[in-house]
Amino acid sequence: MARYEMSSIDCGAMGAVATGTVFLQLGLMHAIGRVAAIDRVAAHKWFNLAAREGVAEAARLRRELAAEMTAAEIADAQRGAREWIAAN
């Protein structure tokens, strides 16, 4: 997966700022291990949500990441995205 440098963001509870751009940044944070250990499932989930908001870069990164994941990991990420949508 490509490495990206990005400024630190404070998402807090996200509330009204839950946009495709924020989802993309959360995906990148998990993909590169910016805040904690690399978490491909969480990264895929956030990229999925960003792509749903129309962020083309997120869709590309999600495909790239999925190539490195097992089918079970992808299923977990998709489940996580659906749960986030249902809860928010």
C-alpha atoms as a PDB file:
ATOM      1  CA  MET A   1       0.000   0.000   0.000  1.00  0.00           C
ATOM      2  CA  ALA A   2       1.270   3.419  -0.842  1.00  0.00           C
ATOM      3  CA  ARG A   3       2.388   5.656   2.002  1.00  0.00           C
ATOM      4  CA  TYR A   4       0.764   9.042   2.458  1.00  0.00           C
ATOM      5  CA  GLU A   5       1.723  11.978   4.617  1.00  0.00           C
ATOM      6  CA  MET A   6      -1.167  13.890   6.031  1.00  0.00           C
ATOM      7  CA  SER A   7      -1.777  16.435   8.709  1.00  0.00           C
ATOM      8  CA  SER A   8      -3.155  15.302  12.010  1.00  0.00           C
ATOM      9  CA  ILE A   9      -6.926  15.601  12.376  1.00  0.00           C
ATOM     10  CA  ASP A  10      -9.047  15.581  15.459  1.00  0.00           C
ATOM     11  CA  CYS A  11     -12.209  13.650  14.652  1.00  0.00           C
ATOM     12  CA  GLY A  12     -13.575  13.365  18.168  1.00  0.00           C
ATOM     13  CA  ALA A  13     -17.071  11.928  17.988  1.00  0.00           C
ATOM     14  CA  MET A  14     -17.186  13.235  14.386  1.00  0.00           C
ATOM     15  CA  GLY A  15     -20.765  14.423  14.732  1.00  0.00           C
ATOM     16  CA  ALA A  16     -21.643  16.743  11.872  1.00  0.00           C
ATOM     17  CA  VAL A  17     -18.198  16.552  10.264  1.00  0.00           C
ATOM     18  CA  ALA A  18     -18.638  12.959   9.085  1.00  0.00           C
ATOM     19  CA  THR A  19     -17.831  13.571   5.405  1.00  0.00           C
ATOM     20  CA  GLY A  20     -16.139  11.576   2.696  1.00  0.00           C
ATOM     21  CA  THR A  21     -12.922  13.520   3.253  1.00  0.00           C
ATOM     22  CA  VAL A  22     -12.900  12.688   6.969  1.00  0.00           C
ATOM     23  CA  PHE A  23     -13.603   9.030   6.195  1.00  0.00           C
ATOM     24  CA  LEU A  24     -10.726   9.028   3.697  1.00  0.00           C
ATOM     25  CA  GLN A  25      -8.364  10.473   6.302  1.00  0.00           C
ATOM     26  CA  LEU A  26      -9.480   7.911   8.891  1.00  0.00           C
ATOM     27  CA  GLY A  27      -8.837   5.154   6.351  1.00  0.00           C
ATOM     28  CA  LEU A  28      -5.359   6.513   5.686  1.00  0.00           C
ATOM     29  CA  MET A  29      -4.621   6.746   9.405  1.00  0.00           C
ATOM     30  CA  HIS A  30      -5.450   3.065   9.845  1.00  0.00           C
ATOM     31  CA  ALA A  31      -3.735   2.008   6.604  1.00  0.00           C
ATOM     32  CA  ILE A  32      -0.387   3.590   7.481  1.00  0.00           C
ATOM     33  CA  GLY A  33      -0.483   3.115  11.244  1.00  0.00           C
ATOM     34  CA  ARG A  34      -0.515   6.847  11.944  1.00  0.00           C
ATOM     35  CA  VAL A  35      -2.342   6.645  15.278  1.00  0.00           C
ATOM     36  CA  ALA A  36      -1.983   2.983  16.227  1.00  0.00           C
ATOM     37  CA  ALA A  37      -0.883  -0.272  14.638  1.00  0.00           C
ATOM     38  CA  ILE A  38      -1.839  -0.779  10.994  1.00  0.00           C
ATOM     39  CA  ASP A  39      -5.414  -2.073  10.803  1.00  0.00           C
ATOM     40  CA  ARG A  40      -6.374  -3.086   7.273  1.00  0.00           C
ATOM     41  CA  VAL A  41      -9.943  -4.005   8.244  1.00  0.00           C
ATOM     42  CA  ALA A  42     -10.594  -0.582   9.784  1.00  0.00           C
ATOM     43  CA  ALA A  43      -8.870   1.148   6.852  1.00  0.00           C
ATOM     44  CA  HIS A  44     -11.041  -0.724   4.350  1.00  0.00           C
ATOM     45  CA  LYS A  45     -14.167   0.163   6.352  1.00  0.00           C
ATOM     46  CA  TRP A  46     -13.365   3.897   6.300  1.00  0.00           C
ATOM     47  CA  PHE A  47     -12.360   3.803   2.614  1.00  0.00           C
ATOM     48  CA  ASN A  48     -15.675   2.066   1.922  1.00  0.00           C
ATOM     49  CA  LEU A  49     -17.597   4.837   3.690  1.00  0.00           C
ATOM     50  CA  ALA A  50     -15.607   7.535   1.891  1.00  0.00           C
ATOM     51  CA  ALA A  51     -16.212   5.877  -1.482  1.00  0.00           C
ATOM     52  CA  ARG A  52     -19.920   5.779  -0.640  1.00  0.00           C
ATOM     53  CA  GLU A  53     -19.715   9.572  -0.267  1.00  0.00           C
ATOM     54  CA  GLY A  54     -18.214   9.844  -3.760  1.00  0.00           C
ATOM     55  CA  VAL A  55     -14.495  10.091  -2.940  1.00  0.00           C
ATOM     56  CA  ALA A  56     -12.833   8.444  -5.951  1.00  0.00           C
ATOM     57  CA  GLU A  57      -9.427   8.230  -4.247  1.00  0.00           C
ATOM     58  CA  ALA A  58     -11.008   6.171  -1.451  1.00  0.00           C
ATOM     59  CA  ALA A  59     -12.432   3.696  -3.945  1.00  0.00           C
ATOM     60  CA  ARG A  60      -8.989   3.288  -5.524  1.00  0.00           C
ATOM     61  CA  LEU A  61      -7.280   2.823  -2.153  1.00  0.00           C
ATOM     62  CA  ARG A  62      -9.947   0.354  -1.057  1.00  0.00           C
ATOM     63  CA  ARG A  63      -9.287  -1.785  -4.153  1.00  0.00           C
ATOM     64  CA  GLU A  64      -5.536  -1.613  -3.569  1.00  0.00           C
ATOM     65  CA  LEU A  65      -5.925  -2.586   0.077  1.00  0.00           C
ATOM     66  CA  ALA A  66      -8.399  -5.383  -0.699  1.00  0.00           C
ATOM     67  CA  ALA A  67      -5.736  -7.036  -2.857  1.00  0.00           C
ATOM     68  CA  GLU A  68      -3.697  -7.508   0.351  1.00  0.00           C
ATOM     69  CA  MET A  69      -6.596  -8.807   2.457  1.00  0.00           C
ATOM     70  CA  THR A  70      -8.304 -12.151   2.924  1.00  0.00           C
ATOM     71  CA  ALA A  71     -11.963 -12.645   2.050  1.00  0.00           C
ATOM     72  CA  ALA A  72     -12.763 -12.832   5.779  1.00  0.00           C
ATOM     73  CA  GLU A  73     -11.019  -9.505   6.447  1.00  0.00           C
ATOM     74  CA  ILE A  74     -12.947  -7.837   3.626  1.00  0.00           C
ATOM     75  CA  ALA A  75     -16.211  -9.267   4.955  1.00  0.00           C
ATOM     76  CA  ASP A  76     -15.385  -7.904   8.440  1.00  0.00           C
ATOM     77  CA  ALA A  77     -14.656  -4.466   6.960  1.00  0.00           C
ATOM     78  CA  GLN A  78     -17.888  -4.450   4.988  1.00  0.00           C
ATOM     79  CA  ARG A  79     -19.836  -5.519   8.065  1.00  0.00           C
ATOM     80  CA  GLY A  80     -18.198  -2.710  10.035  1.00  0.00           C
ATOM     81  CA  ALA A  81     -19.185  -0.163   7.385  1.00  0.00           C
ATOM     82  CA  ARG A  82     -22.790  -1.384   7.387  1.00  0.00           C
ATOM     83  CA  GLU A  83     -22.886  -1.206  11.192  1.00  0.00           C
ATOM     84  CA  TRP A  84     -21.476   2.346  11.148  1.00  0.00           C
ATOM     85  CA  ILE A  85     -24.127   3.391   8.621  1.00  0.00           C
ATOM     86  CA  ALA A  86     -26.911   1.818  10.686  1.00  0.00           C
ATOM     87  CA  ALA A  87     -25.694   3.507  13.870  1.00  0.00           C
ATOM     88  CA  ASN A  88     -25.188   6.928  12.310  1.00  0.00           C
END
